Amino acid sequence: MRFQPETHAAFQLISIANRLTASASQTYLKTYGVGIMEWRVLAMLAPIEGASANDISHISGVDKSAISRASQSLVKRGLIAGADDPKDNRRTLLSLTDEGRALHDRIIRASAAREQLLLDGFSPSDRAELFQLLGRLAANLPLVEAHKPAAEA
């Protein structure tokens, strides 16, 4: 069996994601002064005020230590604030500051424009099907994560 990247779903998804991530990080860092990890934190805190780094990590699929470093950087810059969780003093709940919300609102417009370009030529039904298929892929992740390949002789 020979590896064929053009028909390997995981390879294609990772390749697309890596290129999008690199391009976004470069663009957002140059234009807004935040890299992709900081942007992910800002983006996740907009709809989920009071999330922890662990919450953001779980939802986004990004390593918690990367989210924690990005969060610390954003706190130092005054873009997000942290407060102890009254139910668990080991957790810090993060929220956007006014300055962080304003930056988020500027970047989200650029992000939406990038998404429009990415989906150029896709009809509304194509887009609906794409997101339905991506949802099915996401639903299969527990199967993939649990898979333990047998050792080959």
Foldseek 3Di string as FASTA:
>chain_A
DDDDLVPDVVSVVVVVVVVVQVVLQVVCCVPPVAGSLLLLLLVVQVVPFFDFLVRSCVVVVHDSVSNVVSVVVCVVVQQKDWDADPVDRVTITIHGDPNNVVSNVVVVVVVVVVVCVVCPPQDPVSVVVVVVVVVVVVVCVVVVVPDDDDDDD
